[in-house]
Amino acid sequence: MMLRGYRDTDLPLLSGDWLPGELLGLPVPGRPPLAEPARVPAPRDPAEDGATGQDDELCVVPGAGFVRLAAVDWVHRRARLEIGLRPGAEGGAEPLLKAALDHAFRALNLRRVFGWVTPAVPLPSGLPRDALLRDAGLAPEADVPRALWLDGRPVARQIWGATRHG
């Protein structure tokens, strides 16, 4: 799966039926049809509003979704990974996850990538979330009980991460 830089015509890829900010944002089965879609902001022009353009790295897979490395810390070489896939593109979750990590570690020379996972949200088609994350090289790091209000109740979230050594 090939990532490429964001273009203005990619704006429809930045909203969808996944949980906002997820490491592996796939369409949520049974999501109410009128629920507000999750949104990721489009990159701003650094010349506007004094924006530096240095905090996020946004890539897309045309027609399938996006990869966002948010809050990039260029000094400590780490970032939070967010992925959002459109309905019908769930089968590309594993190669997209691997491409995102490859981009973070090789192209951006980051040393650590981490992201949020919400186990209470089922994956479509019974995809094995933990196996997908582990196969890509991520490991669970922390459980945060009652971290998110979802469907009228508090649910736990996890932090998964990967570190490049060397």
C-alpha atoms as a PDB file:
ATOM      1  CA  MET A   1       0.000   0.000   0.000  1.00  0.00           C
ATOM      2  CA  MET A   2       1.480   3.317  -1.067  1.00  0.00           C
ATOM      3  CA  LEU A   3       1.122   6.500   0.961  1.00  0.00           C
ATOM      4  CA  ARG A   4       1.287   9.879  -0.699  1.00  0.00           C
ATOM      5  CA  GLY A   5       1.067  13.459   0.481  1.00  0.00           C
ATOM      6  CA  TYR A   6      -2.279  15.140   1.081  1.00  0.00           C
ATOM      7  CA  ARG A   7      -3.878  17.229  -1.674  1.00  0.00           C
ATOM      8  CA  ASP A   8      -6.954  19.440  -1.403  1.00  0.00           C
ATOM      9  CA  THR A   9      -8.917  16.923  -3.488  1.00  0.00           C
ATOM     10  CA  ASP A  10      -8.364  14.335  -0.699  1.00  0.00           C
ATOM     11  CA  LEU A  11     -10.596  16.211   1.770  1.00  0.00           C
ATOM     12  CA  PRO A  12     -13.398  13.550   1.659  1.00  0.00           C
ATOM     13  CA  LEU A  13     -10.906  10.987   3.029  1.00  0.00           C
ATOM     14  CA  LEU A  14     -10.551  12.990   6.253  1.00  0.00           C
ATOM     15  CA  SER A  15     -13.988  12.205   7.681  1.00  0.00           C
ATOM     16  CA  GLY A  16     -15.686   8.890   8.272  1.00  0.00           C
ATOM     17  CA  ASP A  17     -17.353   6.360  10.539  1.00  0.00           C
ATOM     18  CA  TRP A  18     -14.394   5.471  12.741  1.00  0.00           C
ATOM     19  CA  LEU A  19     -13.722   6.482  16.335  1.00  0.00           C
ATOM     20  CA  PRO A  20     -11.728   9.751  16.359  1.00  0.00           C
ATOM     21  CA  GLY A  21      -8.010   9.531  17.096  1.00  0.00           C
ATOM     22  CA  GLU A  22      -7.736   5.732  16.828  1.00  0.00           C
ATOM     23  CA  LEU A  23      -4.492   3.997  15.971  1.00  0.00           C
ATOM     24  CA  LEU A  24      -6.453   1.646  13.725  1.00  0.00           C
ATOM     25  CA  GLY A  25      -9.568   3.623  12.802  1.00  0.00           C
ATOM     26  CA  LEU A  26     -11.890   1.290  10.933  1.00  0.00           C
ATOM     27  CA  PRO A  27     -15.608   1.819  10.246  1.00  0.00           C
ATOM     28  CA  VAL A  28     -17.542   1.032  13.432  1.00  0.00           C
ATOM     29  CA  PRO A  29     -20.153  -1.705  12.862  1.00  0.00           C
ATOM     30  CA  GLY A  30     -23.649  -0.634  13.896  1.00  0.00           C
ATOM     31  CA  ARG A  31     -22.768   3.052  14.083  1.00  0.00           C
ATOM     32  CA  PRO A  32     -25.978   5.115  13.990  1.00  0.00           C
ATOM     33  CA  PRO A  33     -26.494   6.489  10.482  1.00  0.00           C
ATOM     34  CA  LEU A  34     -26.992  10.050  11.752  1.00  0.00           C
ATOM     35  CA  ALA A  35     -23.941  10.009  14.037  1.00  0.00           C
ATOM     36  CA  GLU A  36     -21.511  12.835  13.482  1.00  0.00           C
ATOM     37  CA  PRO A  37     -18.548  11.532  11.462  1.00  0.00           C
ATOM     38  CA  ALA A  38     -15.040  11.659  12.865  1.00  0.00           C
ATOM     39  CA  ARG A  39     -12.966  14.398  11.271  1.00  0.00           C
ATOM     40  CA  VAL A  40      -9.268  15.063  10.885  1.00  0.00           C
ATOM     41  CA  PRO A  41      -8.198  18.613  10.088  1.00  0.00           C
ATOM     42  CA  ALA A  42      -6.659  19.273   6.718  1.00  0.00           C
ATOM     43  CA  PRO A  43      -3.126  20.660   6.829  1.00  0.00           C
ATOM     44  CA  ARG A  44      -2.885  24.425   7.021  1.00  0.00           C
ATOM     45  CA  ASP A  45      -0.686  26.581   4.853  1.00  0.00           C
ATOM     46  CA  PRO A  46       2.275  27.644   7.041  1.00  0.00           C
ATOM     47  CA  ALA A  47       1.876  31.201   5.719  1.00  0.00           C
ATOM     48  CA  GLU A  48      -1.633  31.417   7.238  1.00  0.00           C
ATOM     49  CA  ASP A  49      -2.205  32.395  10.867  1.00  0.00           C
ATOM     50  CA  GLY A  50       1.490  31.958  11.660  1.00  0.00           C
ATOM     51  CA  ALA A  51       1.029  28.171  11.450  1.00  0.00           C
ATOM     52  CA  THR A  52       4.307  26.328  11.396  1.00  0.00           C
ATOM     53  CA  GLY A  53       3.041  23.206   9.654  1.00  0.00           C
ATOM     54  CA  GLN A  54       5.525  21.181  11.687  1.00  0.00           C
ATOM     55  CA  ASP A  55       3.243  19.420  14.169  1.00  0.00           C
ATOM     56  CA  ASP A  56       1.478  16.878  11.938  1.00  0.00           C
ATOM     57  CA  GLU A  57       2.326  14.683   8.984  1.00  0.00           C
ATOM     58  CA  LEU A  58      -0.695  13.720   6.896  1.00  0.00           C
ATOM     59  CA  CYS A  59      -0.606  11.103   4.144  1.00  0.00           C
ATOM     60  CA  VAL A  60      -3.398   9.434   2.207  1.00  0.00           C
ATOM     61  CA  VAL A  61      -4.107   6.279   0.300  1.00  0.00           C
ATOM     62  CA  PRO A  62      -6.334   7.502  -2.538  1.00  0.00           C
ATOM     63  CA  GLY A  63      -9.860   6.154  -2.223  1.00  0.00           C
ATOM     64  CA  ALA A  64      -9.062   4.248   0.993  1.00  0.00           C
ATOM     65  CA  GLY A  65      -8.134   6.528   3.889  1.00  0.00           C
ATOM     66  CA  PHE A  66      -5.478   8.532   5.667  1.00  0.00           C
ATOM     67  CA  VAL A  67      -2.499   8.178   7.983  1.00  0.00           C
ATOM     68  CA  ARG A  68      -1.797  11.013  10.390  1.00  0.00           C
ATOM     69  CA  LEU A  69       1.249  11.341  12.589  1.00  0.00           C
ATOM     70  CA  ALA A  70       0.006  13.897  15.105  1.00  0.00           C
ATOM     71  CA  ALA A  71       1.891  15.974  17.639  1.00  0.00           C
ATOM     72  CA  VAL A  72       5.220  15.124  16.053  1.00  0.00           C
ATOM     73  CA  ASP A  73       8.025  15.856  18.494  1.00  0.00           C
ATOM     74  CA  TRP A  74      11.034  16.432  16.248  1.00  0.00           C
ATOM     75  CA  VAL A  75      13.452  16.695  19.191  1.00  0.00           C
ATOM     76  CA  HIS A  76      12.548  13.404  20.859  1.00  0.00           C
ATOM     77  CA  ARG A  77      11.580  11.822  17.495  1.00  0.00           C
ATOM     78  CA  ARG A  78       8.106  10.545  18.451  1.00  0.00           C
ATOM     79  CA  ALA A  79       4.506  10.971  17.297  1.00  0.00           C
ATOM     80  CA  ARG A  80       0.961   9.708  17.845  1.00  0.00           C
ATOM     81  CA  LEU A  81      -0.345   7.593  14.958  1.00  0.00           C
ATOM     82  CA  GLU A  82      -3.935   7.856  13.739  1.00  0.00           C
ATOM     83  CA  ILE A  83      -5.423   5.914  10.834  1.00  0.00           C
ATOM     84  CA  GLY A  84      -8.847   6.251   9.263  1.00  0.00           C
ATOM     85  CA  LEU A  85     -10.142   3.832   6.640  1.00  0.00           C
ATOM     86  CA  ARG A  86     -13.276   4.231   4.548  1.00  0.00           C
ATOM     87  CA  PRO A  87     -15.949   1.507   4.340  1.00  0.00           C
ATOM     88  CA  GLY A  88     -14.842  -1.184   1.904  1.00  0.00           C
ATOM     89  CA  ALA A  89     -11.141  -0.540   2.564  1.00  0.00           C
ATOM     90  CA  GLU A  90     -10.917  -2.570   5.792  1.00  0.00           C
ATOM     91  CA  GLY A  91      -9.012  -5.356   4.012  1.00  0.00           C
ATOM     92  CA  GLY A  92      -6.142  -2.916   3.564  1.00  0.00           C
ATOM     93  CA  ALA A  93      -5.752  -2.320   7.306  1.00  0.00           C
ATOM     94  CA  GLU A  94      -2.692  -4.530   7.749  1.00  0.00           C
ATOM     95  CA  PRO A  95      -0.630  -3.210   4.802  1.00  0.00           C
ATOM     96  CA  LEU A  96      -1.642   0.371   5.637  1.00  0.00           C
ATOM     97  CA  LEU A  97      -0.546  -0.046   9.247  1.00  0.00           C
ATOM     98  CA  LYS A  98       2.805  -1.436   8.113  1.00  0.00           C
ATOM     99  CA  ALA A  99       3.203   1.357   5.533  1.00  0.00           C
ATOM    100  CA  ALA A 100       2.441   3.955   8.215  1.00  0.00           C
ATOM    101  CA  LEU A 101       5.090   2.559  10.553  1.00  0.00           C
ATOM    102  CA  ASP A 102       7.605   2.294   7.721  1.00  0.00           C
ATOM    103  CA  HIS A 103       6.940   5.927   6.795  1.00  0.00           C
ATOM    104  CA  ALA A 104       7.318   7.035  10.422  1.00  0.00           C
ATOM    105  CA  PHE A 105      10.544   5.143  11.038  1.00  0.00           C
ATOM    106  CA  ARG A 106      12.268   5.410   7.664  1.00  0.00           C
ATOM    107  CA  ALA A 107      11.032   8.574   5.948  1.00  0.00           C
ATOM    108  CA  LEU A 108      10.550  10.714   9.056  1.00  0.00           C
ATOM    109  CA  ASN A 109      13.304   9.063  11.112  1.00  0.00           C
ATOM    110  CA  LEU A 110      11.101   8.831  14.209  1.00  0.00           C
ATOM    111  CA  ARG A 111      12.144   6.569  17.070  1.00  0.00           C
ATOM    112  CA  ARG A 112       8.765   6.025  18.740  1.00  0.00           C
ATOM    113  CA  VAL A 113       5.184   5.847  17.475  1.00  0.00           C
ATOM    114  CA  PHE A 114       2.164   5.242  19.686  1.00  0.00           C
ATOM    115  CA  GLY A 115      -1.609   5.408  19.435  1.00  0.00           C
ATOM    116  CA  TRP A 116      -4.948   4.899  21.141  1.00  0.00           C
ATOM    117  CA  VAL A 117      -6.938   1.675  20.838  1.00  0.00           C
ATOM    118  CA  THR A 118     -10.487   1.254  22.170  1.00  0.00           C
ATOM    119  CA  PRO A 119     -11.131  -2.484  22.669  1.00  0.00           C
ATOM    120  CA  ALA A 120     -14.871  -1.926  23.320  1.00  0.00           C
ATOM    121  CA  VAL A 121     -15.323  -0.895  19.677  1.00  0.00           C
ATOM    122  CA  PRO A 122     -15.640  -4.012  17.536  1.00  0.00           C
ATOM    123  CA  LEU A 123     -13.780  -4.203  14.260  1.00  0.00           C
ATOM    124  CA  PRO A 124     -15.739  -4.913  11.089  1.00  0.00           C
ATOM    125  CA  SER A 125     -15.845  -8.466   9.798  1.00  0.00           C
ATOM    126  CA  GLY A 126     -14.276  -9.798  12.986  1.00  0.00           C
ATOM    127  CA  LEU A 127     -10.789  -8.543  12.104  1.00  0.00           C
ATOM    128  CA  PRO A 128      -8.357  -9.561  14.878  1.00  0.00           C
ATOM    129  CA  ARG A 129      -7.244  -6.165  16.242  1.00  0.00           C
ATOM    130  CA  ASP A 130      -4.522  -7.434  18.593  1.00  0.00           C
ATOM    131  CA  ALA A 131      -3.036  -9.726  15.941  1.00  0.00           C
ATOM    132  CA  LEU A 132      -3.002  -6.913  13.354  1.00  0.00           C
ATOM    133  CA  LEU A 133      -1.250  -4.571  15.772  1.00  0.00           C
ATOM    134  CA  ARG A 134       1.281  -7.156  16.962  1.00  0.00           C
ATOM    135  CA  ASP A 135       2.068  -8.343  13.413  1.00  0.00           C
ATOM    136  CA  ALA A 136       2.848  -4.736  12.465  1.00  0.00           C
ATOM    137  CA  GLY A 137       5.338  -4.505  15.332  1.00  0.00           C
ATOM    138  CA  LEU A 138       3.249  -2.699  17.951  1.00  0.00           C
ATOM    139  CA  ALA A 139       2.906  -3.798  21.576  1.00  0.00           C
ATOM    140  CA  PRO A 140       0.421  -2.858  24.299  1.00  0.00           C
ATOM    141  CA  GLU A 141       1.920  -0.368  26.747  1.00  0.00           C
ATOM    142  CA  ALA A 142      -0.846   0.825  29.068  1.00  0.00           C
ATOM    143  CA  ASP A 143      -4.508   0.374  29.947  1.00  0.00           C
ATOM    144  CA  VAL A 144      -6.449   3.504  30.814  1.00  0.00           C
ATOM    145  CA  PRO A 145      -9.721   2.562  32.546  1.00  0.00           C
ATOM    146  CA  ARG A 146     -12.760   4.775  32.010  1.00  0.00           C
ATOM    147  CA  ALA A 147     -10.810   6.862  29.505  1.00  0.00           C
ATOM    148  CA  LEU A 148     -13.634   7.545  27.065  1.00  0.00           C
ATOM    149  CA  TRP A 149     -17.401   7.998  27.215  1.00  0.00           C
ATOM    150  CA  LEU A 150     -18.936   5.775  24.527  1.00  0.00           C
ATOM    151  CA  ASP A 151     -22.517   4.629  23.991  1.00  0.00           C
ATOM    152  CA  GLY A 152     -23.623   6.026  27.339  1.00  0.00           C
ATOM    153  CA  ARG A 153     -20.908   4.440  29.453  1.00  0.00           C
ATOM    154  CA  PRO A 154     -17.222   4.833  30.264  1.00  0.00           C
ATOM    155  CA  VAL A 155     -14.896   2.459  28.412  1.00  0.00           C
ATOM    156  CA  ALA A 156     -11.216   1.671  28.714  1.00  0.00           C
ATOM    157  CA  ARG A 157      -8.613   2.611  26.139  1.00  0.00           C
ATOM    158  CA  GLN A 158      -5.167   1.220  25.567  1.00  0.00           C
ATOM    159  CA  ILE A 159      -1.942   2.762  24.379  1.00  0.00           C
ATOM    160  CA  TRP A 160      -0.023   0.657  21.867  1.00  0.00           C
ATOM    161  CA  GLY A 161       3.411   1.645  20.646  1.00  0.00           C
ATOM    162  CA  ALA A 162       6.446   0.706  18.624  1.00  0.00           C
ATOM    163  CA  THR A 163      10.038   1.796  19.029  1.00  0.00           C
ATOM    164  CA  ARG A 164      12.766   1.706  16.442  1.00  0.00           C
ATOM    165  CA  HIS A 165      16.123   0.755  17.867  1.00  0.00           C
ATOM    166  CA  GLY A 166      19.371   1.761  16.262  1.00  0.00           C
END
